[in-house]
Structures are given as C-alpha cells and as structure tokens.
C-alpha cells in the first residue's frame, strides 16, 4: 500500500504518522525531506540564495528559515518562487525514498506532507488520507507548538487550503479533535 497523508498545519499529521510507524508502516516525512534538500552545498539551497539573496542564509551557509518564512508568508509571489525551486527537488527525493522502501519490502508506505493537494502531488498516490481538526483547535495547537501569537498562527493557517476542503479529496478522513485515546 502506498498513500499520501496530509492535513493542515497542526492538525495532527505527525501524531498519525507516529501511530502508523508503530503498526509497521514506512512514513516518509516531506518536512524532513525539505530540510535534507537544502543542506549546505545543495543545488536547491544555492538556487534559493540566488533568488532571495544573502539574507536568507546564515553566515555558516545554512538556510535562515525564519527570514525566508517571513518573506514568503506575507508575499504570495515569493512563496510561488520558493515552491518552484523546492517542490521539484522534494518530489524527486520522495520518489526515490518511496521506491527504496518498496524495494526493501515495506508493507505500507505513507508520504506525510502538508501540501499534497495544493501542489498536485496527491495524484501520485493511490490513496489519500487526510487528518483534520477544528480551526480553533488547529490555531491553539500551532500557538502552543511554535510559541507563536494568535495573529502569526492565523496567518500560517490562512496560507493553506482549509482542512475541510482537503477532506473532500480523501479516501480516508481522520478527525483529530480529541486526545490520543
């Protein structure tokens, strides 16, 4: 089985992914892949630096995520430019890791990514699982997790497709308004 696992920011995708891992599934986390592809010396990081300038890089050559995040959160065109650089590299690395897991005999492979539907990548998977929760709970979780104020959390949630819209694309919907039990 190969499936995409998605949902909005702070809806509980990582919690579901952890549970799937305990059940023997291989889970490929697109956030981790996105970090791997921008390691110092990578072609992707070089392109980001060329497009967005030296302020998005720390002195040691690593990506300044906070500066870049602030740029793209408030500027849809900048966000599109960044996605044009990162998404092809992320897709290629995920495809390589899925193939590796399948060739290694994994009984189930899930690709965990917040933007599967928005990027069109959901069509790459025979099944799509969506994790959702109430909007107010999503914002509260994001504020707590990232130690952000309400305004910043609301801005980040607003940059993504509403989770109820994502659920319309799903084969499986996991409602995550409660606790683990």
C-alpha atoms as a PDB file:
ATOM      1  CA  UNK A   1       0.000   0.000   0.000  1.00  0.00           C
ATOM      2  CA  UNK A   2       1.225   3.477  -0.898  1.00  0.00           C
ATOM      3  CA  UNK A   3      -0.687   6.506   0.359  1.00  0.00           C
ATOM      4  CA  UNK A   4      -0.386  10.215   0.875  1.00  0.00           C
ATOM      5  CA  UNK A   5      -1.024  11.522   4.392  1.00  0.00           C
ATOM      6  CA  UNK A   6      -1.986  15.166   4.635  1.00  0.00           C
ATOM      7  CA  UNK A   7      -3.899  17.754   6.597  1.00  0.00           C
ATOM      8  CA  UNK A   8      -3.427  21.324   7.678  1.00  0.00           C
ATOM      9  CA  UNK A   9      -0.586  22.610   9.784  1.00  0.00           C
ATOM     10  CA  UNK A  10      -1.004  21.459  13.420  1.00  0.00           C
ATOM     11  CA  UNK A  11      -3.908  19.097  12.701  1.00  0.00           C
ATOM     12  CA  UNK A  12      -2.054  16.017  13.922  1.00  0.00           C
ATOM     13  CA  UNK A  13      -0.411  14.531  10.824  1.00  0.00           C
ATOM     14  CA  UNK A  14       2.765  13.735  12.745  1.00  0.00           C
ATOM     15  CA  UNK A  15       0.797  12.027  15.510  1.00  0.00           C
ATOM     16  CA  UNK A  16      -0.987   9.839  12.952  1.00  0.00           C
ATOM     17  CA  UNK A  17       2.335   9.159  11.211  1.00  0.00           C
ATOM     18  CA  UNK A  18       3.890   8.036  14.505  1.00  0.00           C
ATOM     19  CA  UNK A  19       0.980   5.651  15.071  1.00  0.00           C
ATOM     20  CA  UNK A  20       1.366   4.250  11.547  1.00  0.00           C
ATOM     21  CA  UNK A  21       5.065   3.645  12.201  1.00  0.00           C
ATOM     22  CA  UNK A  22       4.221   1.626  15.325  1.00  0.00           C
ATOM     23  CA  UNK A  23       1.977  -0.503  13.109  1.00  0.00           C
ATOM     24  CA  UNK A  24       4.896  -1.270  10.769  1.00  0.00           C
ATOM     25  CA  UNK A  25       4.384   1.303   8.017  1.00  0.00           C
ATOM     26  CA  UNK A  26       7.207   3.287   6.496  1.00  0.00           C
ATOM     27  CA  UNK A  27       6.458   7.004   6.717  1.00  0.00           C
ATOM     28  CA  UNK A  28       8.366   9.480   4.617  1.00  0.00           C
ATOM     29  CA  UNK A  29       8.088  12.943   6.144  1.00  0.00           C
ATOM     30  CA  UNK A  30       8.140  15.633   3.450  1.00  0.00           C
ATOM     31  CA  UNK A  31       9.208  18.226   6.040  1.00  0.00           C
ATOM     32  CA  UNK A  32      12.347  16.201   6.756  1.00  0.00           C
ATOM     33  CA  UNK A  33      12.945  15.741   3.038  1.00  0.00           C
ATOM     34  CA  UNK A  34      12.547  19.504   2.546  1.00  0.00           C
ATOM     35  CA  UNK A  35      15.264  20.053   5.159  1.00  0.00           C
ATOM     36  CA  UNK A  36      17.562  17.479   3.581  1.00  0.00           C
ATOM     37  CA  UNK A  37      17.380  19.080   0.136  1.00  0.00           C
ATOM     38  CA  UNK A  38      18.554  22.476   1.449  1.00  0.00           C
ATOM     39  CA  UNK A  39      21.642  21.271   3.249  1.00  0.00           C
ATOM     40  CA  UNK A  40      24.692  23.500   2.715  1.00  0.00           C
ATOM     41  CA  UNK A  41      26.241  22.816  -0.674  1.00  0.00           C
ATOM     42  CA  UNK A  42      22.997  21.545  -2.209  1.00  0.00           C
ATOM     43  CA  UNK A  43      21.811  22.765  -5.591  1.00  0.00           C
ATOM     44  CA  UNK A  44      18.431  23.694  -4.072  1.00  0.00           C
ATOM     45  CA  UNK A  45      19.956  25.915  -1.386  1.00  0.00           C
ATOM     46  CA  UNK A  46      22.165  27.581  -3.985  1.00  0.00           C
ATOM     47  CA  UNK A  47      19.077  28.426  -6.085  1.00  0.00           C
ATOM     48  CA  UNK A  48      17.220  29.805  -3.045  1.00  0.00           C
ATOM     49  CA  UNK A  49      20.183  32.052  -2.222  1.00  0.00           C
ATOM     50  CA  UNK A  50      20.370  33.311  -5.807  1.00  0.00           C
ATOM     51  CA  UNK A  51      16.637  34.136  -5.953  1.00  0.00           C
ATOM     52  CA  UNK A  52      16.102  35.545  -2.453  1.00  0.00           C
ATOM     53  CA  UNK A  53      19.531  36.989  -1.706  1.00  0.00           C
ATOM     54  CA  UNK A  54      22.105  36.507   1.042  1.00  0.00           C
ATOM     55  CA  UNK A  55      19.739  37.489   3.887  1.00  0.00           C
ATOM     56  CA  UNK A  56      18.099  34.043   3.694  1.00  0.00           C
ATOM     57  CA  UNK A  57      21.407  32.378   4.532  1.00  0.00           C
ATOM     58  CA  UNK A  58      23.206  32.283   7.866  1.00  0.00           C
ATOM     59  CA  UNK A  59      26.934  33.069   7.980  1.00  0.00           C
ATOM     60  CA  UNK A  60      27.670  29.322   8.146  1.00  0.00           C
ATOM     61  CA  UNK A  61      25.827  28.753   4.852  1.00  0.00           C
ATOM     62  CA  UNK A  62      22.701  27.161   6.333  1.00  0.00           C
ATOM     63  CA  UNK A  63      19.217  28.337   5.423  1.00  0.00           C
ATOM     64  CA  UNK A  64      17.779  31.110   7.585  1.00  0.00           C
ATOM     65  CA  UNK A  65      14.288  29.619   7.808  1.00  0.00           C
ATOM     66  CA  UNK A  66      12.884  32.435   9.910  1.00  0.00           C
ATOM     67  CA  UNK A  67      13.856  35.152   7.430  1.00  0.00           C
ATOM     68  CA  UNK A  68      12.711  33.122   4.432  1.00  0.00           C
ATOM     69  CA  UNK A  69       9.479  32.170   6.221  1.00  0.00           C
ATOM     70  CA  UNK A  70       8.705  35.810   6.930  1.00  0.00           C
ATOM     71  CA  UNK A  71       9.296  36.689   3.279  1.00  0.00           C
ATOM     72  CA  UNK A  72       7.003  34.015   1.846  1.00  0.00           C
ATOM     73  CA  UNK A  73       4.255  34.196   4.472  1.00  0.00           C
ATOM     74  CA  UNK A  74       3.444  37.779   3.511  1.00  0.00           C
ATOM     75  CA  UNK A  75       4.155  37.606  -0.217  1.00  0.00           C
ATOM     76  CA  UNK A  76       2.287  35.064  -2.380  1.00  0.00           C
ATOM     77  CA  UNK A  77       4.584  35.683  -5.358  1.00  0.00           C
ATOM     78  CA  UNK A  78       7.683  34.995  -3.265  1.00  0.00           C
ATOM     79  CA  UNK A  79       6.012  31.842  -1.961  1.00  0.00           C
ATOM     80  CA  UNK A  80       5.394  30.664  -5.538  1.00  0.00           C
ATOM     81  CA  UNK A  81       9.028  31.325  -6.470  1.00  0.00           C
ATOM     82  CA  UNK A  82      10.214  29.322  -3.462  1.00  0.00           C
ATOM     83  CA  UNK A  83       7.833  26.469  -4.234  1.00  0.00           C
ATOM     84  CA  UNK A  84       9.055  26.471  -7.851  1.00  0.00           C
ATOM     85  CA  UNK A  85      12.541  25.789  -6.545  1.00  0.00           C
ATOM     86  CA  UNK A  86      11.822  23.375  -3.711  1.00  0.00           C
ATOM     87  CA  UNK A  87       8.838  21.305  -4.823  1.00  0.00           C
ATOM     88  CA  UNK A  88      10.515  19.556  -7.802  1.00  0.00           C
ATOM     89  CA  UNK A  89      13.518  18.667  -5.628  1.00  0.00           C
ATOM     90  CA  UNK A  90      11.272  17.418  -2.808  1.00  0.00           C
ATOM     91  CA  UNK A  91       9.168  15.306  -5.210  1.00  0.00           C
ATOM     92  CA  UNK A  92      12.256  13.695  -6.718  1.00  0.00           C
ATOM     93  CA  UNK A  93      13.721  12.806  -3.315  1.00  0.00           C
ATOM     94  CA  UNK A  94      10.395  11.477  -2.033  1.00  0.00           C
ATOM     95  CA  UNK A  95      10.017   9.300  -5.144  1.00  0.00           C
ATOM     96  CA  UNK A  96      13.497   7.903  -4.548  1.00  0.00           C
ATOM     97  CA  UNK A  97      12.667   7.112  -0.900  1.00  0.00           C
ATOM     98  CA  UNK A  98       9.298   5.516  -1.778  1.00  0.00           C
ATOM     99  CA  UNK A  99      10.998   3.299  -4.348  1.00  0.00           C
ATOM    100  CA  UNK A 100      13.675   2.366  -1.811  1.00  0.00           C
ATOM    101  CA  UNK A 101      11.015   1.415   0.775  1.00  0.00           C
ATOM    102  CA  UNK A 102       9.006  -0.653  -1.709  1.00  0.00           C
ATOM    103  CA  UNK A 103      12.137  -2.436  -2.958  1.00  0.00           C
ATOM    104  CA  UNK A 104      13.030  -3.094   0.687  1.00  0.00           C
ATOM    105  CA  UNK A 105       9.722  -4.887   1.238  1.00  0.00           C
ATOM    106  CA  UNK A 106       7.810  -2.270   3.246  1.00  0.00           C
ATOM    107  CA  UNK A 107       4.181  -3.460   3.681  1.00  0.00           C
ATOM    108  CA  UNK A 108       2.839   0.112   3.608  1.00  0.00           C
ATOM    109  CA  UNK A 109       4.402   3.433   2.672  1.00  0.00           C
ATOM    110  CA  UNK A 110       2.884   6.782   3.619  1.00  0.00           C
ATOM    111  CA  UNK A 111       4.158  10.118   2.422  1.00  0.00           C
ATOM    112  CA  UNK A 112       3.356  12.714   5.076  1.00  0.00           C
ATOM    113  CA  UNK A 113       3.086  16.219   3.607  1.00  0.00           C
ATOM    114  CA  UNK A 114       1.002  19.275   4.416  1.00  0.00           C
ATOM    115  CA  UNK A 115       0.650  20.443   0.817  1.00  0.00           C
ATOM    116  CA  UNK A 116      -0.069  17.234  -1.119  1.00  0.00           C
ATOM    117  CA  UNK A 117      -3.297  18.547  -2.598  1.00  0.00           C
ATOM    118  CA  UNK A 118      -2.151  22.132  -3.161  1.00  0.00           C
ATOM    119  CA  UNK A 119       0.940  21.021  -5.090  1.00  0.00           C
ATOM    120  CA  UNK A 120      -0.954  18.447  -7.149  1.00  0.00           C
ATOM    121  CA  UNK A 121       1.187  15.677  -5.652  1.00  0.00           C
ATOM    122  CA  UNK A 122      -1.810  13.849  -4.174  1.00  0.00           C
ATOM    123  CA  UNK A 123      -2.496  12.330  -7.600  1.00  0.00           C
ATOM    124  CA  UNK A 124       0.770  10.405  -7.289  1.00  0.00           C
ATOM    125  CA  UNK A 125      -0.685   8.184  -4.550  1.00  0.00           C
ATOM    126  CA  UNK A 126      -3.371   5.509  -4.931  1.00  0.00           C
ATOM    127  CA  UNK A 127      -4.875   6.596  -1.599  1.00  0.00           C
ATOM    128  CA  UNK A 128      -5.060   9.889   0.223  1.00  0.00           C
ATOM    129  CA  UNK A 129      -5.568  10.110   3.983  1.00  0.00           C
ATOM    130  CA  UNK A 130      -6.481  13.494   5.478  1.00  0.00           C
ATOM    131  CA  UNK A 131      -6.109  14.434   9.144  1.00  0.00           C
ATOM    132  CA  UNK A 132      -8.281  17.315  10.264  1.00  0.00           C
ATOM    133  CA  UNK A 133      -9.414  19.147  13.377  1.00  0.00           C
ATOM    134  CA  UNK A 134     -11.485  22.209  14.204  1.00  0.00           C
ATOM    135  CA  UNK A 135      -9.962  25.505  13.065  1.00  0.00           C
ATOM    136  CA  UNK A 136      -9.837  26.958  16.589  1.00  0.00           C
ATOM    137  CA  UNK A 137      -8.045  23.853  17.862  1.00  0.00           C
ATOM    138  CA  UNK A 138      -5.615  23.976  14.937  1.00  0.00           C
ATOM    139  CA  UNK A 139      -4.689  27.566  15.797  1.00  0.00           C
ATOM    140  CA  UNK A 140      -4.336  26.759  19.514  1.00  0.00           C
ATOM    141  CA  UNK A 141      -2.071  23.796  18.765  1.00  0.00           C
ATOM    142  CA  UNK A 142       0.069  25.894  16.442  1.00  0.00           C
ATOM    143  CA  UNK A 143       0.392  28.685  19.014  1.00  0.00           C
ATOM    144  CA  UNK A 144       1.450  26.198  21.675  1.00  0.00           C
ATOM    145  CA  UNK A 145       3.775  24.146  19.479  1.00  0.00           C
ATOM    146  CA  UNK A 146       5.635  27.082  17.939  1.00  0.00           C
ATOM    147  CA  UNK A 147       5.199  29.573  20.784  1.00  0.00           C
ATOM    148  CA  UNK A 148       3.525  31.996  18.378  1.00  0.00           C
ATOM    149  CA  UNK A 149       0.927  34.661  18.957  1.00  0.00           C
ATOM    150  CA  UNK A 150      -2.586  34.169  17.620  1.00  0.00           C
ATOM    151  CA  UNK A 151      -2.049  36.521  14.659  1.00  0.00           C
ATOM    152  CA  UNK A 152       1.005  34.634  13.370  1.00  0.00           C
ATOM    153  CA  UNK A 153      -0.721  31.263  13.821  1.00  0.00           C
ATOM    154  CA  UNK A 154      -3.814  32.511  11.988  1.00  0.00           C
ATOM    155  CA  UNK A 155      -1.648  33.862   9.142  1.00  0.00           C
ATOM    156  CA  UNK A 156       0.045  30.472   8.691  1.00  0.00           C
ATOM    157  CA  UNK A 157      -3.273  28.588   8.770  1.00  0.00           C
ATOM    158  CA  UNK A 158      -4.674  31.049   6.223  1.00  0.00           C
ATOM    159  CA  UNK A 159      -1.850  30.273   3.780  1.00  0.00           C
ATOM    160  CA  UNK A 160      -3.105  26.685   3.443  1.00  0.00           C
ATOM    161  CA  UNK A 161      -6.197  25.139   1.948  1.00  0.00           C
ATOM    162  CA  UNK A 162      -8.911  24.727   4.623  1.00  0.00           C
ATOM    163  CA  UNK A 163      -8.815  21.202   6.076  1.00  0.00           C
ATOM    164  CA  UNK A 164     -12.487  20.607   5.274  1.00  0.00           C
ATOM    165  CA  UNK A 165     -11.680  21.283   1.622  1.00  0.00           C
ATOM    166  CA  UNK A 166      -8.782  18.818   1.827  1.00  0.00           C
ATOM    167  CA  UNK A 167     -11.129  16.203   3.287  1.00  0.00           C
ATOM    168  CA  UNK A 168     -13.202  16.321   0.093  1.00  0.00           C
ATOM    169  CA  UNK A 169     -10.238  14.756  -1.746  1.00  0.00           C
ATOM    170  CA  UNK A 170      -9.643  11.985   0.788  1.00  0.00           C
ATOM    171  CA  UNK A 171     -10.147   8.249   0.680  1.00  0.00           C
ATOM    172  CA  UNK A 172      -9.799   8.212   4.480  1.00  0.00           C
ATOM    173  CA  UNK A 173     -10.512  11.126   6.859  1.00  0.00           C
ATOM    174  CA  UNK A 174      -9.158  11.072  10.403  1.00  0.00           C
ATOM    175  CA  UNK A 175     -10.923  13.544  12.703  1.00  0.00           C
ATOM    176  CA  UNK A 176      -8.423  14.637  15.331  1.00  0.00           C
ATOM    177  CA  UNK A 177     -10.384  16.918  17.665  1.00  0.00           C
ATOM    178  CA  UNK A 178      -9.850  14.732  20.739  1.00  0.00           C
ATOM    179  CA  UNK A 179      -6.903  13.250  22.571  1.00  0.00           C
ATOM    180  CA  UNK A 180      -4.982  10.116  21.598  1.00  0.00           C
ATOM    181  CA  UNK A 181      -7.440   7.794  23.295  1.00  0.00           C
END
